[in-house]
Amino acid sequence: MRLSSGRHRRTRTLSLAAAVACAAGAGGFYLGLTDGGARAASATVTVSTTAQLESAVRDVAAGAVIEVHGGTYHPTATLRSTASGTAAHRITLRAYDGEQVRIDGSRLPDGSWLAAIHGSHWTVEDLTFRNSPAQGLVVTSSTGGLFRNLVTADNGDTGFTLRGDNTVNNLVQNLDSHGNYDPAGHGRNADGIAVKFGSGTGNRVTGARLYDNSDDGLDLWQFSSPVTVEDSRAYGNGHNRWRDPAFEGNGNGFKLGGGGASVAHTVTGNAAWDNTGNGFTENTNTGAGAVRRNTAHANRGAGFYFATGKARLEGNRAVDNKGGPAKLGSSTVSAGNSWD
């Protein structure tokens, strides 16, 4: 069940002169102001066509709110922004008044991402990103991002990605990411969510549902700072639903590292089941992570595979996993788990 974002729509009243200035601006949407020398947007933008959406994302500035009316939008190029908000003047992209918005990448050129944000202090919520030729939504080097109540589905690579150095204090809340599959890689790359190829503290994934992806549910490959993952579910990943004769999907529920990074992630209150790989795995991460109160059920691999690292596993449960409840190395600490 999706949690309510708890937001309330706010309106602003513009003077007649300001309204005229808005109408005279590009696309008729923005009023440029100065705030300590920085350009800021003073009005909420509502869009109802693909062209308006593309323009709004491209030209957005700190303090702007872009609200998207219900419907399906087909961009012809990646929705891309390098703008940043501030802690006091965030940039917001969201559905209008709870309407159903689908941003569909089926008309993009091969290899294109559907949406790309290279900036900080964004709020993106209540939107669906689907049918991209490659990644659905990619956020690079973001500070203070809030990504809430999103769906990333049926994309040609990972559904949602946080990446890059200076990826700091981002919250991904109530993400549904499913059916992502990369035909060019025969399924070996498309995860539900990936926090990878970067660094930065304070990043958290909570309440995610990651299922039926060709590779892993969650992947923390080569992210060298601790990530918190909590109250999330990963299931049905790694199955060859696309009838690819050369299929290579790994199918782990929660892949907690790899690529040489040694980092202590915190993984609490999650569940993994019916994945073709392991339920939870360090994936060669030697860091002293904390893996607490998680459940692994009916995975083809081990429930918990921590063969090389120094993680502490405590209060976890593993039931009916074909690879056994847990495969642990000599440096792993195991206490109070169902197999102890």
Protein backbone atom coordinates (compact mmCIF):
# COMPACT_ATOMS: atom_id res chain seq x y z
CA MET A 1 0.00 0.00 0.00
CA ARG A 2 1.42 3.36 -1.01
CA LEU A 3 1.94 5.88 1.73
CA SER A 4 0.48 9.35 1.33
CA SER A 5 3.03 12.05 0.62
CA GLY A 6 1.13 14.31 2.99
CA ARG A 7 1.63 17.37 0.83
CA HIS A 8 -0.84 20.17 0.37
CA ARG A 9 -0.93 22.23 -2.78
CA ARG A 10 0.02 25.85 -2.36
CA THR A 11 -1.02 28.69 -4.61
CA ARG A 12 0.44 32.10 -5.13
CA THR A 13 -1.30 35.23 -6.22
CA LEU A 14 0.50 37.27 -8.85
CA SER A 15 -0.13 40.91 -9.51
CA LEU A 16 -1.41 41.93 -12.92
CA ALA A 17 2.04 43.20 -13.81
CA ALA A 18 3.62 39.91 -12.77
CA ALA A 19 1.06 37.93 -14.74
CA VAL A 20 1.88 39.99 -17.82
CA ALA A 21 5.57 39.36 -17.24
CA CYS A 22 4.89 35.62 -17.00
CA ALA A 23 2.90 35.60 -20.20
CA ALA A 24 5.70 37.42 -21.96
CA GLY A 25 8.31 34.90 -20.83
CA ALA A 26 9.44 31.77 -22.60
CA GLY A 27 6.50 29.43 -22.93
CA GLY A 28 4.36 31.83 -20.89
CA PHE A 29 5.24 30.04 -17.64
CA TYR A 30 8.10 31.67 -15.72
CA LEU A 31 8.74 34.88 -13.88
CA GLY A 32 12.48 35.38 -13.36
CA LEU A 33 13.47 37.03 -10.10
CA THR A 34 16.73 37.57 -8.29
CA ASP A 35 17.23 36.07 -4.84
CA GLY A 36 20.66 36.84 -3.51
CA GLY A 37 21.96 37.07 -7.05
CA ALA A 38 20.45 33.73 -8.13
CA ARG A 39 17.58 33.40 -10.54
CA ALA A 40 14.48 31.93 -8.91
CA ALA A 41 11.06 30.99 -10.23
CA SER A 42 8.12 32.54 -8.45
CA ALA A 43 5.13 30.67 -9.85
CA THR A 44 3.76 27.16 -10.10
CA VAL A 45 3.81 25.83 -13.66
CA THR A 46 1.07 23.49 -14.85
CA VAL A 47 1.68 21.53 -18.04
CA SER A 48 -0.60 19.38 -20.15
CA THR A 49 1.42 18.69 -23.33
CA THR A 50 4.72 16.98 -23.99
CA ALA A 51 6.21 20.17 -25.43
CA GLN A 52 5.27 22.09 -22.28
CA LEU A 53 6.78 19.39 -20.08
CA GLU A 54 10.04 19.36 -22.04
CA SER A 55 10.28 23.16 -21.89
CA ALA A 56 9.45 23.32 -18.19
CA VAL A 57 12.11 20.77 -17.21
CA ARG A 58 14.72 22.32 -19.47
CA ASP A 59 14.20 25.89 -18.21
CA VAL A 60 13.39 25.25 -14.55
CA ALA A 61 15.03 27.34 -11.81
CA ALA A 62 15.28 27.24 -8.04
CA GLY A 63 11.94 27.59 -6.32
CA ALA A 64 9.82 26.41 -9.27
CA VAL A 65 7.02 23.86 -9.01
CA ILE A 66 6.11 21.93 -12.16
CA GLU A 67 2.74 20.19 -11.92
CA VAL A 68 1.84 17.75 -14.69
CA HIS A 69 -1.78 17.07 -15.60
CA GLY A 70 -2.89 13.47 -15.97
CA GLY A 71 -2.14 11.64 -19.19
CA THR A 72 0.67 9.98 -21.12
CA TYR A 73 3.62 12.09 -22.30
CA HIS A 74 6.03 10.97 -25.04
CA PRO A 75 9.28 12.98 -25.00
CA THR A 76 11.36 12.95 -28.17
CA ALA A 77 14.61 13.51 -26.26
CA THR A 78 15.75 12.82 -22.71
CA LEU A 79 14.04 15.05 -20.14
CA ARG A 80 17.22 16.62 -18.82
CA SER A 81 18.02 19.33 -16.30
CA THR A 82 21.25 20.63 -14.79
CA ALA A 83 19.43 23.12 -12.55
CA SER A 84 19.65 22.98 -8.77
CA GLY A 85 17.34 24.25 -6.12
CA THR A 86 18.40 25.21 -2.64
CA ALA A 87 17.33 23.98 0.78
CA ALA A 88 14.98 26.98 0.99
CA HIS A 89 13.90 27.04 -2.68
CA ARG A 90 13.52 23.50 -3.92
CA ILE A 91 12.65 22.43 -7.45
CA THR A 92 9.53 20.28 -7.54
CA LEU A 93 8.25 18.05 -10.35
CA ARG A 94 5.00 16.25 -9.54
CA ALA A 95 1.60 15.13 -10.75
CA TYR A 96 -1.17 17.70 -10.58
CA ASP A 97 -3.61 17.08 -7.73
CA GLY A 98 -3.12 13.31 -7.62
CA GLU A 99 -3.77 12.74 -11.33
CA GLN A 100 -2.18 9.74 -13.07
CA VAL A 101 0.86 10.80 -15.09
CA ARG A 102 2.87 8.46 -17.31
CA ILE A 103 6.06 9.66 -18.95
CA ASP A 104 6.67 7.17 -21.74
CA GLY A 105 10.00 6.73 -23.51
CA SER A 106 8.86 4.54 -26.38
CA ARG A 107 9.53 7.30 -28.95
CA LEU A 108 13.06 8.07 -27.79
CA PRO A 109 16.15 7.15 -29.86
CA ASP A 110 17.88 3.90 -28.96
CA GLY A 111 20.13 4.16 -25.92
CA SER A 112 18.38 7.25 -24.50
CA TRP A 113 17.57 7.73 -20.83
CA LEU A 114 14.03 8.83 -20.21
CA ALA A 115 14.81 11.46 -17.55
CA ALA A 116 18.10 12.79 -16.18
CA ILE A 117 18.64 15.21 -13.30
CA HIS A 118 22.10 16.54 -12.60
CA GLY A 119 21.32 18.90 -9.76
CA SER A 120 20.42 19.18 -6.09
CA HIS A 121 17.39 19.85 -3.90
CA TRP A 122 14.81 18.36 -6.23
CA THR A 123 11.50 16.82 -5.22
CA VAL A 124 10.08 14.39 -7.79
CA GLU A 125 6.88 12.62 -6.81
CA ASP A 126 3.73 10.83 -7.99
CA LEU A 127 4.97 10.09 -11.52
CA THR A 128 5.53 7.00 -13.68
CA PHE A 129 8.58 6.65 -15.93
CA ARG A 130 8.31 3.72 -18.31
CA ASN A 131 9.25 2.19 -21.68
CA SER A 132 12.61 3.94 -21.96
CA PRO A 133 15.16 2.45 -24.39
CA ALA A 134 17.66 2.61 -21.50
CA GLN A 135 17.46 3.89 -17.90
CA GLY A 136 14.18 5.28 -16.66
CA LEU A 137 15.25 8.01 -14.22
CA VAL A 138 18.91 8.84 -13.51
CA VAL A 139 19.94 11.32 -10.80
CA THR A 140 23.61 12.33 -10.72
CA SER A 141 25.55 14.01 -7.89
CA SER A 142 22.42 15.16 -6.08
CA THR A 143 22.30 16.67 -2.60
CA GLY A 144 19.04 16.68 -0.68
CA GLY A 145 16.86 15.01 -3.29
CA LEU A 146 13.44 13.62 -2.40
CA PHE A 147 12.06 10.99 -4.78
CA ARG A 148 8.70 9.78 -3.57
CA ASN A 149 5.81 7.67 -4.83
CA LEU A 150 7.40 6.94 -8.21
CA VAL A 151 7.00 4.05 -10.63
CA THR A 152 9.85 3.07 -12.96
CA ALA A 153 8.71 0.16 -15.12
CA ASP A 154 9.50 -1.72 -18.32
CA ASN A 155 12.61 0.30 -19.12
CA GLY A 156 15.56 -0.91 -21.20
CA ASP A 157 17.94 -0.73 -18.26
CA THR A 158 17.73 0.06 -14.52
CA GLY A 159 14.49 1.73 -13.51
CA PHE A 160 15.89 4.30 -11.04
CA THR A 161 19.55 5.22 -10.53
CA LEU A 162 21.37 7.43 -8.04
CA ARG A 163 24.99 7.86 -9.09
CA GLY A 164 28.09 10.04 -8.99
CA ASP A 165 30.27 11.59 -6.33
CA ASN A 166 28.62 14.11 -4.00
CA THR A 167 25.43 12.05 -3.90
CA VAL A 168 24.39 13.18 -0.43
CA ASN A 169 21.26 12.99 1.77
CA ASN A 170 18.86 11.70 -0.85
CA LEU A 171 15.65 9.89 0.12
CA VAL A 172 13.94 7.38 -2.17
CA GLN A 173 10.56 6.57 -0.63
CA ASN A 174 7.81 4.25 -1.88
CA LEU A 175 9.35 3.39 -5.24
CA ASP A 176 7.74 0.70 -7.40
CA SER A 177 10.30 -0.52 -9.94
CA HIS A 178 9.50 -3.57 -12.01
CA GLY A 179 9.80 -5.25 -15.38
CA ASN A 180 13.07 -3.51 -16.30
CA TYR A 181 15.18 -5.50 -18.80
CA ASP A 182 18.17 -4.59 -20.95
CA PRO A 183 18.02 -6.59 -24.20
CA ALA A 184 21.48 -5.42 -25.29
CA GLY A 185 22.99 -6.92 -22.14
CA HIS A 186 20.70 -9.94 -22.14
CA GLY A 187 19.29 -8.84 -18.79
CA ARG A 188 22.53 -8.54 -16.82
CA ASN A 189 22.24 -4.79 -16.04
CA ALA A 190 18.61 -3.83 -15.44
CA ASP A 191 17.92 -3.50 -11.71
CA GLY A 192 14.92 -2.11 -9.92
CA ILE A 193 17.04 0.56 -8.23
CA ALA A 194 20.79 1.13 -8.31
CA VAL A 195 22.87 3.37 -6.08
CA LYS A 196 26.21 2.93 -7.78
CA PHE A 197 29.40 4.39 -9.25
CA GLY A 198 29.72 7.15 -6.67
CA SER A 199 29.93 8.29 -3.07
CA GLY A 200 28.18 10.43 -0.50
CA THR A 201 26.61 9.92 2.89
CA GLY A 202 23.04 10.06 4.15
CA ASN A 203 21.31 8.26 1.27
CA ARG A 204 18.27 6.15 2.17
CA VAL A 205 15.91 3.81 0.32
CA THR A 206 12.72 3.02 2.21
CA GLY A 207 9.42 1.35 1.35
CA ALA A 208 10.52 0.21 -2.12
CA ARG A 209 8.94 -2.64 -4.06
CA LEU A 210 11.45 -4.05 -6.55
CA TYR A 211 10.19 -6.95 -8.58
CA ASP A 212 10.33 -8.87 -11.85
CA ASN A 213 13.50 -7.09 -13.02
CA SER A 214 15.97 -8.95 -15.21
CA ASP A 215 18.97 -8.40 -12.94
CA ASP A 216 18.76 -7.46 -9.23
CA GLY A 217 16.10 -5.78 -7.14
CA LEU A 218 18.59 -3.36 -5.52
CA ASP A 219 22.24 -2.93 -6.53
CA LEU A 220 24.88 -0.93 -4.61
CA TRP A 221 27.75 -1.72 -6.99
CA GLN A 222 30.82 0.51 -6.50
CA PHE A 223 29.11 3.00 -4.22
CA SER A 224 31.77 3.72 -1.61
CA SER A 225 29.68 5.38 1.14
CA PRO A 226 27.12 3.78 3.47
CA VAL A 227 23.54 3.52 2.21
CA THR A 228 20.54 2.73 4.42
CA VAL A 229 17.99 0.31 2.97
CA GLU A 230 14.88 -0.36 5.03
CA ASP A 231 11.33 -1.73 4.88
CA SER A 232 11.67 -2.71 1.22
CA ARG A 233 10.75 -5.81 -0.79
CA ALA A 234 12.59 -7.51 -3.66
CA TYR A 235 10.97 -10.46 -5.37
CA GLY A 236 10.77 -12.29 -8.66
CA ASN A 237 14.02 -10.81 -9.96
CA GLY A 238 16.26 -12.65 -12.42
CA HIS A 239 13.59 -14.76 -14.12
CA ASN A 240 13.80 -14.84 -17.90
CA ARG A 241 10.36 -13.41 -18.60
CA TRP A 242 11.53 -12.12 -21.98
CA ARG A 243 12.46 -15.52 -23.44
CA ASP A 244 15.99 -14.35 -24.17
CA PRO A 245 18.01 -17.45 -25.20
CA ALA A 246 21.24 -15.78 -24.00
CA PHE A 247 19.76 -14.42 -20.76
CA GLU A 248 22.35 -13.38 -18.10
CA GLY A 249 20.37 -11.76 -15.29
CA ASN A 250 21.81 -12.37 -11.82
CA GLY A 251 18.57 -12.18 -9.87
CA ASN A 252 19.71 -11.19 -6.40
CA GLY A 253 17.15 -9.51 -4.19
CA PHE A 254 19.53 -7.08 -2.47
CA LYS A 255 23.08 -6.79 -3.85
CA LEU A 256 25.03 -4.81 -1.28
CA GLY A 257 28.25 -3.91 -3.04
CA GLY A 258 30.85 -5.15 -5.48
CA GLY A 259 33.54 -3.76 -7.72
CA GLY A 260 36.11 -3.30 -4.96
CA ALA A 261 34.18 -1.01 -2.61
CA SER A 262 34.44 -1.83 1.11
CA VAL A 263 31.58 -0.07 2.85
CA ALA A 264 29.27 -0.61 5.83
CA HIS A 265 25.72 -0.39 4.53
CA THR A 266 22.76 -0.67 6.91
CA VAL A 267 20.01 -3.04 5.79
CA THR A 268 17.01 -3.37 8.12
CA GLY A 269 13.52 -4.84 7.96
CA ASN A 270 13.54 -5.93 4.31
CA ALA A 271 12.28 -9.08 2.60
CA ALA A 272 13.50 -11.00 -0.45
CA TRP A 273 11.72 -13.96 -2.05
CA ASP A 274 11.48 -15.90 -5.30
CA ASN A 275 14.68 -14.38 -6.71
CA THR A 276 16.89 -16.55 -8.93
CA GLY A 277 20.04 -15.55 -7.03
CA ASN A 278 20.58 -14.86 -3.34
CA GLY A 279 18.10 -13.04 -1.18
CA PHE A 280 20.78 -10.78 0.35
CA THR A 281 24.44 -10.73 -0.66
CA GLU A 282 27.51 -8.64 0.11
CA ASN A 283 28.75 -9.37 -3.43
CA THR A 284 32.43 -9.25 -2.29
CA ASN A 285 31.93 -6.10 -0.21
CA THR A 286 34.31 -6.56 2.75
CA GLY A 287 32.84 -3.74 4.84
CA ALA A 288 31.31 -4.22 8.28
CA GLY A 289 27.70 -3.69 7.30
CA ALA A 290 24.71 -4.12 9.61
CA VAL A 291 22.08 -6.56 8.33
CA ARG A 292 19.22 -6.77 10.81
CA ARG A 293 15.71 -8.25 10.96
CA ASN A 294 15.45 -9.17 7.28
CA THR A 295 13.66 -12.17 5.78
CA ALA A 296 14.73 -14.36 2.86
CA HIS A 297 12.29 -16.97 1.54
CA ALA A 298 12.31 -19.37 -1.41
CA ASN A 299 15.24 -17.85 -3.29
CA ARG A 300 17.20 -20.13 -5.62
CA GLY A 301 20.50 -19.13 -4.05
CA ALA A 302 21.25 -18.68 -0.38
CA GLY A 303 19.01 -16.62 1.80
CA PHE A 304 22.07 -14.64 2.98
CA TYR A 305 25.42 -14.88 1.18
CA PHE A 306 28.18 -13.10 3.10
CA ALA A 307 31.29 -15.14 2.42
CA THR A 308 34.10 -12.58 2.42
CA GLY A 309 33.15 -9.53 4.46
CA LYS A 310 32.84 -8.39 8.06
CA ALA A 311 29.12 -7.76 8.14
CA ARG A 312 27.12 -8.36 11.28
CA LEU A 313 23.91 -10.35 10.68
CA GLU A 314 21.44 -10.18 13.53
CA GLY A 315 17.82 -11.23 13.96
CA ASN A 316 17.35 -12.35 10.34
CA ARG A 317 15.18 -15.22 9.10
CA ALA A 318 15.77 -17.58 6.19
CA VAL A 319 13.22 -20.19 5.08
CA ASP A 320 13.21 -22.65 2.17
CA ASN A 321 16.02 -21.11 0.15
CA LYS A 322 17.46 -23.67 -2.27
CA GLY A 323 21.02 -22.56 -1.58
CA GLY A 324 20.57 -22.89 2.16
CA PRO A 325 19.73 -20.30 4.80
CA ALA A 326 23.15 -18.62 4.91
CA LYS A 327 26.67 -18.94 3.53
CA LEU A 328 28.98 -16.98 5.80
CA GLY A 329 32.72 -16.39 5.91
CA SER A 330 34.90 -16.54 8.99
CA SER A 331 34.85 -12.75 9.42
CA THR A 332 31.07 -12.48 9.35
CA VAL A 333 29.33 -12.04 12.71
CA SER A 334 26.10 -14.01 13.05
CA ALA A 335 23.86 -13.64 16.10
CA GLY A 336 20.23 -14.41 16.84
CA ASN A 337 19.33 -15.43 13.29
CA SER A 338 17.00 -18.30 12.45
CA TRP A 339 19.96 -20.53 11.55
CA ASP A 340 21.97 -19.80 14.72
